[in-house]
Amino acid sequence: MTGTMGVHLLANIFGCPVEVLNYEADVARLLNEVVVDAKLTKVSESHFQFDPVGVTSVILLAESHISIHTWPEHGSAAVDIFCCSGEEAANRAFKALLERFKPEKHDCQIIKR
C-alpha cells in the first residue's frame, strides 16, 4: 500500500468549563456541531452517560470517527479525530472542537496512518 490511509489526531483538553463535560445531551450536541462545522459526514452516533457525570461519545463518520471521553471532575477530556479525507479536515474538526469545549490548554499529536 502506498500513501496514507488518513490522519489520526489524538488530543487531551484541560481546563474546560465543567458544564460542557457533564452530560450526554450536551456533549452529543457539541460533537454534532463540530461535525457540521468541519463539513464532515455523520453516519451514526453512540453516547454513554456515566453516573453521576462524565460521558463517552463517538460519532461515526463517512470519513472515519470522532470520539471524546470526559472527566468533568478534572475539567478534562481525551479526544480522537480520525479522518481519511486528510489533515485539513482533521484540523477543521479540532478547531471547531476547541471552540465548543473551550479548554484553557490542550496537547495534540498527529499520526499519519
PDB file of N, CA and C in Angstrom:
ATOM      1  N   MET A   1       0.840  -1.179   0.000  1.00  0.00           N
ATOM      2  CA  MET A   1       0.000   0.000   0.000  1.00  0.00           C
ATOM      3  C   MET A   1       0.883   1.240   0.000  1.00  0.00           C
ATOM      4  N   THR A   2       0.536   2.223  -0.808  1.00  0.00           N
ATOM      5  CA  THR A   2       1.287   3.473  -0.853  1.00  0.00           C
ATOM      6  C   THR A   2       0.422   4.599  -0.332  1.00  0.00           C
ATOM      7  N   GLY A   3       1.054   5.707   0.073  1.00  0.00           N
ATOM      8  CA  GLY A   3       0.314   6.849   0.588  1.00  0.00           C
ATOM      9  C   GLY A   3      -0.152   6.604   2.013  1.00  0.00           C
ATOM     10  N   THR A   4      -1.084   7.428   2.462  1.00  0.00           N
ATOM     11  CA  THR A   4      -1.611   7.281   3.813  1.00  0.00           C
ATOM     12  C   THR A   4      -3.095   6.946   3.754  1.00  0.00           C
ATOM     13  N   MET A   5      -3.554   6.300   4.824  1.00  0.00           N
ATOM     14  CA  MET A   5      -4.971   5.975   4.950  1.00  0.00           C
ATOM     15  C   MET A   5      -5.738   7.145   5.549  1.00  0.00           C
ATOM     16  N   GLY A   6      -5.019   7.991   6.265  1.00  0.00           N
ATOM     17  CA  GLY A   6      -5.674   9.124   6.894  1.00  0.00           C
ATOM     18  C   GLY A   6      -4.815   9.735   7.972  1.00  0.00           C
ATOM     19  N   VAL A   7      -5.405  10.692   8.663  1.00  0.00           N
ATOM     20  CA  VAL A   7      -4.734  11.410   9.746  1.00  0.00           C
ATOM     21  C   VAL A   7      -5.504  11.156  11.029  1.00  0.00           C
ATOM     22  N   HIS A   8      -4.772  10.739  12.063  1.00  0.00           N
ATOM     23  CA  HIS A   8      -5.378  10.472  13.369  1.00  0.00           C
ATOM     24  C   HIS A   8      -4.846  11.508  14.347  1.00  0.00           C
ATOM     25  N   LEU A   9      -5.723  12.341  14.827  1.00  0.00           N
ATOM     26  CA  LEU A   9      -5.381  13.390  15.772  1.00  0.00           C
ATOM     27  C   LEU A   9      -5.770  12.905  17.163  1.00  0.00           C
ATOM     28  N   LEU A  10      -4.821  12.879  18.072  1.00  0.00           N
ATOM     29  CA  LEU A  10      -5.041  12.464  19.463  1.00  0.00           C
ATOM     30  C   LEU A  10      -4.776  13.672  20.349  1.00  0.00           C
ATOM     31  N   ALA A  11      -5.777  14.050  21.121  1.00  0.00           N
ATOM     32  CA  ALA A  11      -5.634  15.273  21.915  1.00  0.00           C
ATOM     33  C   ALA A  11      -6.179  15.081  23.322  1.00  0.00           C
ATOM     34  N   ASN A  12      -5.615  15.850  24.234  1.00  0.00           N
ATOM     35  CA  ASN A  12      -6.144  15.983  25.585  1.00  0.00           C
ATOM     36  C   ASN A  12      -6.467  17.457  25.768  1.00  0.00           C
ATOM     37  N   ILE A  13      -7.647  17.720  26.319  1.00  0.00           N
ATOM     38  CA  ILE A  13      -8.042  19.104  26.578  1.00  0.00           C
ATOM     39  C   ILE A  13      -8.229  19.275  28.083  1.00  0.00           C
ATOM     40  N   PHE A  14      -7.772  20.414  28.592  1.00  0.00           N
ATOM     41  CA  PHE A  14      -7.745  20.662  30.032  1.00  0.00           C
ATOM     42  C   PHE A  14      -8.353  22.028  30.347  1.00  0.00           C
ATOM     43  N   GLY A  15      -8.951  22.132  31.534  1.00  0.00           N
ATOM     44  CA  GLY A  15      -9.497  23.413  31.969  1.00  0.00           C
ATOM     45  C   GLY A  15     -10.779  23.783  31.250  1.00  0.00           C
ATOM     46  N   CYS A  16     -11.548  22.783  30.853  1.00  0.00           N
ATOM     47  CA  CYS A  16     -12.835  23.047  30.183  1.00  0.00           C
ATOM     48  C   CYS A  16     -13.880  23.432  31.223  1.00  0.00           C
ATOM     49  N   PRO A  17     -14.862  24.269  30.843  1.00  0.00           N
ATOM     50  CA  PRO A  17     -15.981  24.511  31.749  1.00  0.00           C
ATOM     51  C   PRO A  17     -16.673  23.176  32.045  1.00  0.00           C
ATOM     52  N   VAL A  18     -16.898  22.897  33.306  1.00  0.00           N
ATOM     53  CA  VAL A  18     -17.454  21.604  33.714  1.00  0.00           C
ATOM     54  C   VAL A  18     -18.791  21.330  33.039  1.00  0.00           C
ATOM     55  N   GLU A  19     -19.605  22.349  32.839  1.00  0.00           N
ATOM     56  CA  GLU A  19     -20.934  22.122  32.282  1.00  0.00           C
ATOM     57  C   GLU A  19     -20.918  21.544  30.868  1.00  0.00           C
ATOM     58  N   VAL A  20     -19.830  21.689  30.129  1.00  0.00           N
ATOM     59  CA  VAL A  20     -19.785  21.111  28.781  1.00  0.00           C
ATOM     60  C   VAL A  20     -19.324  19.654  28.802  1.00  0.00           C
ATOM     61  N   LEU A  21     -18.887  19.171  29.953  1.00  0.00           N
ATOM     62  CA  LEU A  21     -18.354  17.815  30.061  1.00  0.00           C
ATOM     63  C   LEU A  21     -19.258  16.855  30.824  1.00  0.00           C
ATOM     64  N   ASN A  22     -20.233  17.363  31.536  1.00  0.00           N
ATOM     65  CA  ASN A  22     -21.014  16.559  32.470  1.00  0.00           C
ATOM     66  C   ASN A  22     -21.950  15.553  31.828  1.00  0.00           C
ATOM     67  N   TYR A  23     -22.757  16.005  30.856  1.00  0.00           N
ATOM     68  CA  TYR A  23     -23.929  15.226  30.454  1.00  0.00           C
ATOM     69  C   TYR A  23     -23.962  14.888  28.970  1.00  0.00           C
ATOM     70  N   GLU A  24     -24.490  13.706  28.699  1.00  0.00           N
ATOM     71  CA  GLU A  24     -24.580  13.145  27.357  1.00  0.00           C
ATOM     72  C   GLU A  24     -25.219  14.098  26.350  1.00  0.00           C
ATOM     73  N   ALA A  25     -26.334  14.708  26.717  1.00  0.00           N
ATOM     74  CA  ALA A  25     -27.042  15.574  25.756  1.00  0.00           C
ATOM     75  C   ALA A  25     -26.170  16.748  25.321  1.00  0.00           C
ATOM     76  N   ASP A  26     -25.445  17.345  26.251  1.00  0.00           N
ATOM     77  CA  ASP A  26     -24.600  18.497  25.921  1.00  0.00           C
ATOM     78  C   ASP A  26     -23.400  18.090  25.071  1.00  0.00           C
ATOM     79  N   VAL A  27     -22.745  17.004  25.453  1.00  0.00           N
ATOM     80  CA  VAL A  27     -21.582  16.532  24.698  1.00  0.00           C
ATOM     81  C   VAL A  27     -22.008  16.117  23.292  1.00  0.00           C
ATOM     82  N   ALA A  28     -23.130  15.410  23.183  1.00  0.00           N
ATOM     83  CA  ALA A  28     -23.627  14.976  21.868  1.00  0.00           C
ATOM     84  C   ALA A  28     -23.935  16.174  20.978  1.00  0.00           C
ATOM     85  N   ARG A  29     -24.577  17.183  21.538  1.00  0.00           N
ATOM     86  CA  ARG A  29     -24.910  18.386  20.767  1.00  0.00           C
ATOM     87  C   ARG A  29     -23.643  19.073  20.268  1.00  0.00           C
ATOM     88  N   LEU A  30     -22.666  19.232  21.153  1.00  0.00           N
ATOM     89  CA  LEU A  30     -21.427  19.906  20.770  1.00  0.00           C
ATOM     90  C   LEU A  30     -20.652  19.113  19.715  1.00  0.00           C
ATOM     91  N   LEU A  31     -20.572  17.791  19.878  1.00  0.00           N
ATOM     92  CA  LEU A  31     -19.856  16.992  18.876  1.00  0.00           C
ATOM     93  C   LEU A  31     -20.553  17.050  17.520  1.00  0.00           C
ATOM     94  N   ASN A  32     -21.881  17.037  17.529  1.00  0.00           N
ATOM     95  CA  ASN A  32     -22.608  17.149  16.258  1.00  0.00           C
ATOM     96  C   ASN A  32     -22.376  18.504  15.603  1.00  0.00           C
ATOM     97  N   GLU A  33     -22.245  19.563  16.397  1.00  0.00           N
ATOM     98  CA  GLU A  33     -21.909  20.882  15.846  1.00  0.00           C
ATOM     99  C   GLU A  33     -20.504  20.872  15.233  1.00  0.00           C
ATOM    100  N   VAL A  34     -19.580  20.166  15.870  1.00  0.00           N
ATOM    101  CA  VAL A  34     -18.220  20.036  15.338  1.00  0.00           C
ATOM    102  C   VAL A  34     -18.258  19.376  13.963  1.00  0.00           C
ATOM    103  N   VAL A  35     -19.030  18.311  13.839  1.00  0.00           N
ATOM    104  CA  VAL A  35     -19.136  17.585  12.564  1.00  0.00           C
ATOM    105  C   VAL A  35     -19.657  18.514  11.466  1.00  0.00           C
ATOM    106  N   VAL A  36     -20.691  19.286  11.780  1.00  0.00           N
ATOM    107  CA  VAL A  36     -21.262  20.210  10.797  1.00  0.00           C
ATOM    108  C   VAL A  36     -20.248  21.282  10.427  1.00  0.00           C
ATOM    109  N   ASP A  37     -19.626  21.894  11.432  1.00  0.00           N
ATOM    110  CA  ASP A  37     -18.646  22.958  11.173  1.00  0.00           C
ATOM    111  C   ASP A  37     -17.463  22.468  10.347  1.00  0.00           C
ATOM    112  N   ALA A  38     -17.043  21.226  10.576  1.00  0.00           N
ATOM    113  CA  ALA A  38     -15.887  20.680   9.866  1.00  0.00           C
ATOM    114  C   ALA A  38     -16.267  20.118   8.501  1.00  0.00           C
ATOM    115  N   LYS A  39     -17.551  20.192   8.166  1.00  0.00           N
ATOM    116  CA  LYS A  39     -18.046  19.697   6.861  1.00  0.00           C
ATOM    117  C   LYS A  39     -17.759  18.206   6.678  1.00  0.00           C
ATOM    118  N   LEU A  40     -18.003  17.452   7.768  1.00  0.00           N
ATOM    119  CA  LEU A  40     -17.845  16.009   7.729  1.00  0.00           C
ATOM    120  C   LEU A  40     -19.219  15.354   7.596  1.00  0.00           C
ATOM    121  N   THR A  41     -19.246  14.060   7.341  1.00  0.00           N
ATOM    122  CA  THR A  41     -20.493  13.350   7.079  1.00  0.00           C
ATOM    123  C   THR A  41     -20.770  12.336   8.185  1.00  0.00           C
ATOM    124  N   LYS A  42     -21.787  12.616   9.021  1.00  0.00           N
ATOM    125  CA  LYS A  42     -22.146  11.701  10.099  1.00  0.00           C
ATOM    126  C   LYS A  42     -22.870  10.483   9.531  1.00  0.00           C
ATOM    127  N   VAL A  43     -22.459   9.290  10.011  1.00  0.00           N
ATOM    128  CA  VAL A  43     -23.110   8.039   9.646  1.00  0.00           C
ATOM    129  C   VAL A  43     -23.999   7.568  10.798  1.00  0.00           C
ATOM    130  N   SER A  44     -23.458   7.613  12.018  1.00  0.00           N
ATOM    131  CA  SER A  44     -24.223   7.263  13.215  1.00  0.00           C
ATOM    132  C   SER A  44     -23.505   7.820  14.433  1.00  0.00           C
ATOM    133  N   GLU A  45     -24.125   7.632  15.594  1.00  0.00           N
ATOM    134  CA  GLU A  45     -23.507   8.113  16.829  1.00  0.00           C
ATOM    135  C   GLU A  45     -23.931   7.244  17.993  1.00  0.00           C
ATOM    136  N   SER A  46     -23.094   7.224  19.025  1.00  0.00           N
ATOM    137  CA  SER A  46     -23.386   6.489  20.245  1.00  0.00           C
ATOM    138  C   SER A  46     -22.807   7.266  21.418  1.00  0.00           C
ATOM    139  N   HIS A  47     -23.568   7.301  22.509  1.00  0.00           N
ATOM    140  CA  HIS A  47     -23.151   8.074  23.680  1.00  0.00           C
ATOM    141  C   HIS A  47     -23.452   7.255  24.935  1.00  0.00           C
ATOM    142  N   PHE A  48     -22.601   7.410  25.951  1.00  0.00           N
ATOM    143  CA  PHE A  48     -22.805   6.726  27.215  1.00  0.00           C
ATOM    144  C   PHE A  48     -22.633   7.725  28.354  1.00  0.00           C
ATOM    145  N   GLN A  49     -23.635   7.783  29.230  1.00  0.00           N
ATOM    146  CA  GLN A  49     -23.619   8.667  30.394  1.00  0.00           C
ATOM    147  C   GLN A  49     -23.120   7.900  31.609  1.00  0.00           C
ATOM    148  N   PHE A  50     -22.058   8.392  32.237  1.00  0.00           N
ATOM    149  CA  PHE A  50     -21.597   7.804  33.491  1.00  0.00           C
ATOM    150  C   PHE A  50     -22.377   8.415  34.644  1.00  0.00           C
ATOM    151  N   ASP A  51     -22.417   7.715  35.773  1.00  0.00           N
ATOM    152  CA  ASP A  51     -23.144   8.164  36.955  1.00  0.00           C
ATOM    153  C   ASP A  51     -22.136   8.587  38.009  1.00  0.00           C
ATOM    154  N   PRO A  52     -22.139   9.810  38.473  1.00  0.00           N
ATOM    155  CA  PRO A  52     -23.158  10.829  38.239  1.00  0.00           C
ATOM    156  C   PRO A  52     -22.886  11.705  37.006  1.00  0.00           C
ATOM    157  N   VAL A  53     -21.614  11.862  36.630  1.00  0.00           N
ATOM    158  CA  VAL A  53     -21.296  12.711  35.481  1.00  0.00           C
ATOM    159  C   VAL A  53     -20.146  12.088  34.693  1.00  0.00           C
ATOM    160  N   GLY A  54     -19.993  12.557  33.466  1.00  0.00           N
ATOM    161  CA  GLY A  54     -18.947  12.064  32.572  1.00  0.00           C
ATOM    162  C   GLY A  54     -19.597  11.334  31.416  1.00  0.00           C
ATOM    163  N   VAL A  55     -18.966  11.434  30.273  1.00  0.00           N
ATOM    164  CA  VAL A  55     -19.568  10.917  29.045  1.00  0.00           C
ATOM    165  C   VAL A  55     -18.493  10.300  28.160  1.00  0.00           C
ATOM    166  N   THR A  56     -18.866   9.233  27.478  1.00  0.00           N
ATOM    167  CA  THR A  56     -18.108   8.726  26.345  1.00  0.00           C
ATOM    168  C   THR A  56     -19.007   8.860  25.139  1.00  0.00           C
ATOM    169  N   SER A  57     -18.521   9.524  24.103  1.00  0.00           N
ATOM    170  CA  SER A  57     -19.305   9.747  22.883  1.00  0.00           C
ATOM    171  C   SER A  57     -18.457   9.436  21.667  1.00  0.00           C
ATOM    172  N   VAL A  58     -19.108   8.815  20.673  1.00  0.00           N
ATOM    173  CA  VAL A  58     -18.461   8.517  19.406  1.00  0.00           C
ATOM    174  C   VAL A  58     -19.415   8.896  18.285  1.00  0.00           C
ATOM    175  N   ILE A  59     -18.894   9.625  17.311  1.00  0.00           N
ATOM    176  CA  ILE A  59     -19.647   9.875  16.089  1.00  0.00           C
ATOM    177  C   ILE A  59     -18.895   9.178  14.965  1.00  0.00           C
ATOM    178  N   LEU A  60     -19.587   8.228  14.352  1.00  0.00           N
ATOM    179  CA  LEU A  60     -19.040   7.516  13.209  1.00  0.00           C
ATOM    180  C   LEU A  60     -19.238   8.383  11.978  1.00  0.00           C
ATOM    181  N   LEU A  61     -18.175   8.591  11.244  1.00  0.00           N
ATOM    182  CA  LEU A  61     -18.197   9.448  10.057  1.00  0.00           C
ATOM    183  C   LEU A  61     -17.944   8.632   8.799  1.00  0.00           C
ATOM    184  N   ALA A  62     -18.435   9.103   7.682  1.00  0.00           N
ATOM    185  CA  ALA A  62     -18.041   8.517   6.400  1.00  0.00           C
ATOM    186  C   ALA A  62     -16.525   8.627   6.262  1.00  0.00           C
ATOM    187  N   GLU A  63     -15.949   9.682   6.847  1.00  0.00           N
ATOM    188  CA  GLU A  63     -14.504   9.924   6.799  1.00  0.00           C
ATOM    189  C   GLU A  63     -13.752   9.172   7.894  1.00  0.00           C
ATOM    190  N   SER A  64     -14.420   8.602   8.877  1.00  0.00           N
ATOM    191  CA  SER A  64     -13.902   7.745   9.941  1.00  0.00           C
ATOM    192  C   SER A  64     -14.637   8.001  11.253  1.00  0.00           C
ATOM    193  N   HIS A  65     -14.041   8.729  12.240  1.00  0.00           N
ATOM    194  CA  HIS A  65     -14.741   8.917  13.512  1.00  0.00           C
ATOM    195  C   HIS A  65     -14.175  10.092  14.325  1.00  0.00           C
ATOM    196  N   ILE A  66     -15.014  10.535  15.271  1.00  0.00           N
ATOM    197  CA  ILE A  66     -14.610  11.476  16.322  1.00  0.00           C
ATOM    198  C   ILE A  66     -15.104  10.870  17.630  1.00  0.00           C
ATOM    199  N   SER A  67     -14.233  10.825  18.638  1.00  0.00           N
ATOM    200  CA  SER A  67     -14.666  10.335  19.945  1.00  0.00           C
ATOM    201  C   SER A  67     -14.138  11.257  21.036  1.00  0.00           C
ATOM    202  N   ILE A  68     -14.870  11.252  22.162  1.00  0.00           N
ATOM    203  CA  ILE A  68     -14.457  12.031  23.323  1.00  0.00           C
ATOM    204  C   ILE A  68     -14.832  11.262  24.584  1.00  0.00           C
ATOM    205  N   HIS A  69     -13.941  11.316  25.552  1.00  0.00           N
ATOM    206  CA  HIS A  69     -14.159  10.711  26.860  1.00  0.00           C
ATOM    207  C   HIS A  69     -13.922  11.827  27.875  1.00  0.00           C
ATOM    208  N   THR A  70     -14.949  12.175  28.658  1.00  0.00           N
ATOM    209  CA  THR A  70     -14.840  13.339  29.539  1.00  0.00           C
ATOM    210  C   THR A  70     -14.625  12.942  30.996  1.00  0.00           C
ATOM    211  N   TRP A  71     -13.874  13.782  31.702  1.00  0.00           N
ATOM    212  CA  TRP A  71     -13.651  13.685  33.132  1.00  0.00           C
ATOM    213  C   TRP A  71     -13.995  15.051  33.732  1.00  0.00           C
ATOM    214  N   PRO A  72     -15.288  15.316  33.967  1.00  0.00           N
ATOM    215  CA  PRO A  72     -15.689  16.628  34.471  1.00  0.00           C
ATOM    216  C   PRO A  72     -15.037  16.987  35.806  1.00  0.00           C
ATOM    217  N   GLU A  73     -14.794  15.979  36.632  1.00  0.00           N
ATOM    218  CA  GLU A  73     -14.190  16.250  37.939  1.00  0.00           C
ATOM    219  C   GLU A  73     -12.783  16.815  37.808  1.00  0.00           C
ATOM    220  N   HIS A  74     -12.182  16.666  36.626  1.00  0.00           N
ATOM    221  CA  HIS A  74     -10.856  17.227  36.360  1.00  0.00           C
ATOM    222  C   HIS A  74     -10.896  18.320  35.286  1.00  0.00           C
ATOM    223  N   GLY A  75     -12.093  18.590  34.745  1.00  0.00           N
ATOM    224  CA  GLY A  75     -12.215  19.601  33.686  1.00  0.00           C
ATOM    225  C   GLY A  75     -11.490  19.209  32.412  1.00  0.00           C
ATOM    226  N   SER A  76     -11.398  17.887  32.164  1.00  0.00           N
ATOM    227  CA  SER A  76     -10.598  17.435  31.034  1.00  0.00           C
ATOM    228  C   SER A  76     -11.320  16.397  30.193  1.00  0.00           C
ATOM    229  N   ALA A  77     -10.750  16.138  29.025  1.00  0.00           N
ATOM    230  CA  ALA A  77     -11.283  15.123  28.122  1.00  0.00           C
ATOM    231  C   ALA A  77     -10.175  14.621  27.212  1.00  0.00           C
ATOM    232  N   ALA A  78     -10.350  13.398  26.745  1.00  0.00           N
ATOM    233  CA  ALA A  78      -9.473  12.803  25.737  1.00  0.00           C
ATOM    234  C   ALA A  78     -10.263  12.734  24.434  1.00  0.00           C
ATOM    235  N   VAL A  79      -9.638  13.148  23.343  1.00  0.00           N
ATOM    236  CA  VAL A  79     -10.309  13.289  22.051  1.00  0.00           C
ATOM    237  C   VAL A  79      -9.532  12.535  20.978  1.00  0.00           C
ATOM    238  N   ASP A  80     -10.254  11.821  20.124  1.00  0.00           N
ATOM    239  CA  ASP A  80      -9.687  11.208  18.919  1.00  0.00           C
ATOM    240  C   ASP A  80     -10.442  11.754  17.709  1.00  0.00           C
ATOM    241  N   ILE A  81      -9.720  12.153  16.712  1.00  0.00           N
ATOM    242  CA  ILE A  81     -10.321  12.540  15.425  1.00  0.00           C
ATOM    243  C   ILE A  81      -9.522  11.812  14.351  1.00  0.00           C
ATOM    244  N   PHE A  82     -10.173  10.890  13.659  1.00  0.00           N
ATOM    245  CA  PHE A  82      -9.519  10.172  12.570  1.00  0.00           C
ATOM    246  C   PHE A  82     -10.257  10.510  11.286  1.00  0.00           C
ATOM    247  N   CYS A  83      -9.530  11.079  10.338  1.00  0.00           N
ATOM    248  CA  CYS A  83     -10.119  11.493   9.053  1.00  0.00           C
ATOM    249  C   CYS A  83      -9.328  10.879   7.908  1.00  0.00           C
ATOM    250  N   CYS A  84      -9.983  10.058   7.132  1.00  0.00           N
ATOM    251  CA  CYS A  84      -9.323   9.514   5.946  1.00  0.00           C
ATOM    252  C   CYS A  84      -9.361  10.522   4.801  1.00  0.00           C
ATOM    253  N   SER A  85     -10.044  11.654   5.030  1.00  0.00           N
ATOM    254  CA  SER A  85     -10.098  12.694   3.991  1.00  0.00           C
ATOM    255  C   SER A  85      -8.980  13.724   4.138  1.00  0.00           C
ATOM    256  N   GLY A  86      -8.072  13.505   5.087  1.00  0.00           N
ATOM    257  CA  GLY A  86      -6.877  14.333   5.153  1.00  0.00           C
ATOM    258  C   GLY A  86      -6.734  15.190   6.391  1.00  0.00           C
ATOM    259  N   GLU A  87      -5.545  15.775   6.490  1.00  0.00           N
ATOM    260  CA  GLU A  87      -5.178  16.566   7.659  1.00  0.00           C
ATOM    261  C   GLU A  87      -6.004  17.842   7.776  1.00  0.00           C
ATOM    262  N   GLU A  88      -6.350  18.450   6.657  1.00  0.00           N
ATOM    263  CA  GLU A  88      -7.142  19.679   6.702  1.00  0.00           C
ATOM    264  C   GLU A  88      -8.487  19.439   7.385  1.00  0.00           C
ATOM    265  N   ALA A  89      -9.148  18.336   7.061  1.00  0.00           N
ATOM    266  CA  ALA A  89     -10.441  18.012   7.679  1.00  0.00           C
ATOM    267  C   ALA A  89     -10.281  17.748   9.170  1.00  0.00           C
ATOM    268  N   ALA A  90      -9.239  17.015   9.550  1.00  0.00           N
ATOM    269  CA  ALA A  90      -8.983  16.747  10.968  1.00  0.00           C
ATOM    270  C   ALA A  90      -8.720  18.047  11.717  1.00  0.00           C
ATOM    271  N   ASN A  91      -7.950  18.949  11.129  1.00  0.00           N
ATOM    272  CA  ASN A  91      -7.657  20.230  11.767  1.00  0.00           C
ATOM    273  C   ASN A  91      -8.908  21.106  11.896  1.00  0.00           C
ATOM    274  N   ARG A  92      -9.770  21.091  10.880  1.00  0.00           N
ATOM    275  CA  ARG A  92     -11.040  21.844  10.962  1.00  0.00           C
ATOM    276  C   ARG A  92     -11.877  21.322  12.120  1.00  0.00           C
ATOM    277  N   ALA A  93     -11.945  20.002  12.241  1.00  0.00           N
ATOM    278  CA  ALA A  93     -12.727  19.408  13.320  1.00  0.00           C
ATOM    279  C   ALA A  93     -12.138  19.760  14.683  1.00  0.00           C
ATOM    280  N   PHE A  94     -10.813  19.717  14.803  1.00  0.00           N
ATOM    281  CA  PHE A  94     -10.182  20.027  16.088  1.00  0.00           C
ATOM    282  C   PHE A  94     -10.391  21.495  16.451  1.00  0.00           C
ATOM    283  N   LYS A  95     -10.272  22.380  15.483  1.00  0.00           N
ATOM    284  CA  LYS A  95     -10.509  23.803  15.739  1.00  0.00           C
ATOM    285  C   LYS A  95     -11.947  24.022  16.218  1.00  0.00           C
ATOM    286  N   ALA A  96     -12.902  23.374  15.559  1.00  0.00           N
ATOM    287  CA  ALA A  96     -14.309  23.513  15.961  1.00  0.00           C
ATOM    288  C   ALA A  96     -14.529  22.935  17.356  1.00  0.00           C
ATOM    289  N   LEU A  97     -13.852  21.836  17.674  1.00  0.00           N
ATOM    290  CA  LEU A  97     -13.975  21.237  18.999  1.00  0.00           C
ATOM    291  C   LEU A  97     -13.427  22.179  20.074  1.00  0.00           C
ATOM    292  N   LEU A  98     -12.268  22.789  19.810  1.00  0.00           N
ATOM    293  CA  LEU A  98     -11.706  23.741  20.775  1.00  0.00           C
ATOM    294  C   LEU A  98     -12.648  24.924  20.996  1.00  0.00           C
ATOM    295  N   GLU A  99     -13.294  25.388  19.944  1.00  0.00           N
ATOM    296  CA  GLU A  99     -14.253  26.497  20.075  1.00  0.00           C
ATOM    297  C   GLU A  99     -15.445  26.106  20.929  1.00  0.00           C
ATOM    298  N   ARG A 100     -15.880  24.862  20.840  1.00  0.00           N
ATOM    299  CA  ARG A 100     -17.061  24.399  21.576  1.00  0.00           C
ATOM    300  C   ARG A 100     -16.752  24.055  23.036  1.00  0.00           C
ATOM    301  N   PHE A 101     -15.632  23.365  23.270  1.00  0.00           N
ATOM    302  CA  PHE A 101     -15.337  22.873  24.617  1.00  0.00           C
ATOM    303  C   PHE A 101     -14.495  23.852  25.435  1.00  0.00           C
ATOM    304  N   LYS A 102     -13.949  24.877  24.805  1.00  0.00           N
ATOM    305  CA  LYS A 102     -13.267  25.995  25.461  1.00  0.00           C
ATOM    306  C   LYS A 102     -12.213  25.603  26.505  1.00  0.00           C
ATOM    307  N   PRO A 103     -11.268  24.731  26.142  1.00  0.00           N
ATOM    308  CA  PRO A 103     -10.237  24.384  27.116  1.00  0.00           C
ATOM    309  C   PRO A 103      -9.263  25.544  27.340  1.00  0.00           C
ATOM    310  N   GLU A 104      -8.703  25.584  28.537  1.00  0.00           N
ATOM    311  CA  GLU A 104      -7.648  26.557  28.823  1.00  0.00           C
ATOM    312  C   GLU A 104      -6.347  26.149  28.150  1.00  0.00           C
ATOM    313  N   LYS A 105      -6.134  24.837  28.010  1.00  0.00           N
ATOM    314  CA  LYS A 105      -4.944  24.350  27.321  1.00  0.00           C
ATOM    315  C   LYS A 105      -5.237  22.982  26.713  1.00  0.00           C
ATOM    316  N   HIS A 106      -4.365  22.574  25.819  1.00  0.00           N
ATOM    317  CA  HIS A 106      -4.514  21.266  25.187  1.00  0.00           C
ATOM    318  C   HIS A 106      -3.159  20.772  24.687  1.00  0.00           C
ATOM    319  N   ASP A 107      -3.073  19.471  24.492  1.00  0.00           N
ATOM    320  CA  ASP A 107      -1.940  18.915  23.780  1.00  0.00           C
ATOM    321  C   ASP A 107      -2.494  18.054  22.653  1.00  0.00           C
ATOM    322  N   CYS A 108      -1.681  17.859  21.628  1.00  0.00           N
ATOM    323  CA  CYS A 108      -2.176  17.189  20.436  1.00  0.00           C
ATOM    324  C   CYS A 108      -1.040  16.479  19.712  1.00  0.00           C
ATOM    325  N   GLN A 109      -1.311  15.255  19.279  1.00  0.00           N
ATOM    326  CA  GLN A 109      -0.401  14.503  18.423  1.00  0.00           C
ATOM    327  C   GLN A 109      -1.133  14.236  17.118  1.00  0.00           C
ATOM    328  N   ILE A 110      -0.411  14.293  16.023  1.00  0.00           N
ATOM    329  CA  ILE A 110      -0.991  13.955  14.732  1.00  0.00           C
ATOM    330  C   ILE A 110      -0.208  12.764  14.184  1.00  0.00           C
ATOM    331  N   ILE A 111      -0.930  11.698  13.900  1.00  0.00           N
ATOM    332  CA  ILE A 111      -0.340  10.480  13.394  1.00  0.00           C
ATOM    333  C   ILE A 111      -0.863  10.241  11.982  1.00  0.00           C
ATOM    334  N   LYS A 112       0.037  10.091  11.055  1.00  0.00           N
ATOM    335  CA  LYS A 112      -0.361   9.726   9.690  1.00  0.00           C
ATOM    336  C   LYS A 112      -0.374   8.218   9.614  1.00  0.00           C
ATOM    337  N   ARG A 113      -1.515   7.681   9.187  1.00  0.00           N
ATOM    338  CA  ARG A 113      -1.683   6.228   9.179  1.00  0.00           C
ATOM    339  C   ARG A 113      -1.669   5.693   7.765  1.00  0.00           C
TER     340      ARG A 113
END
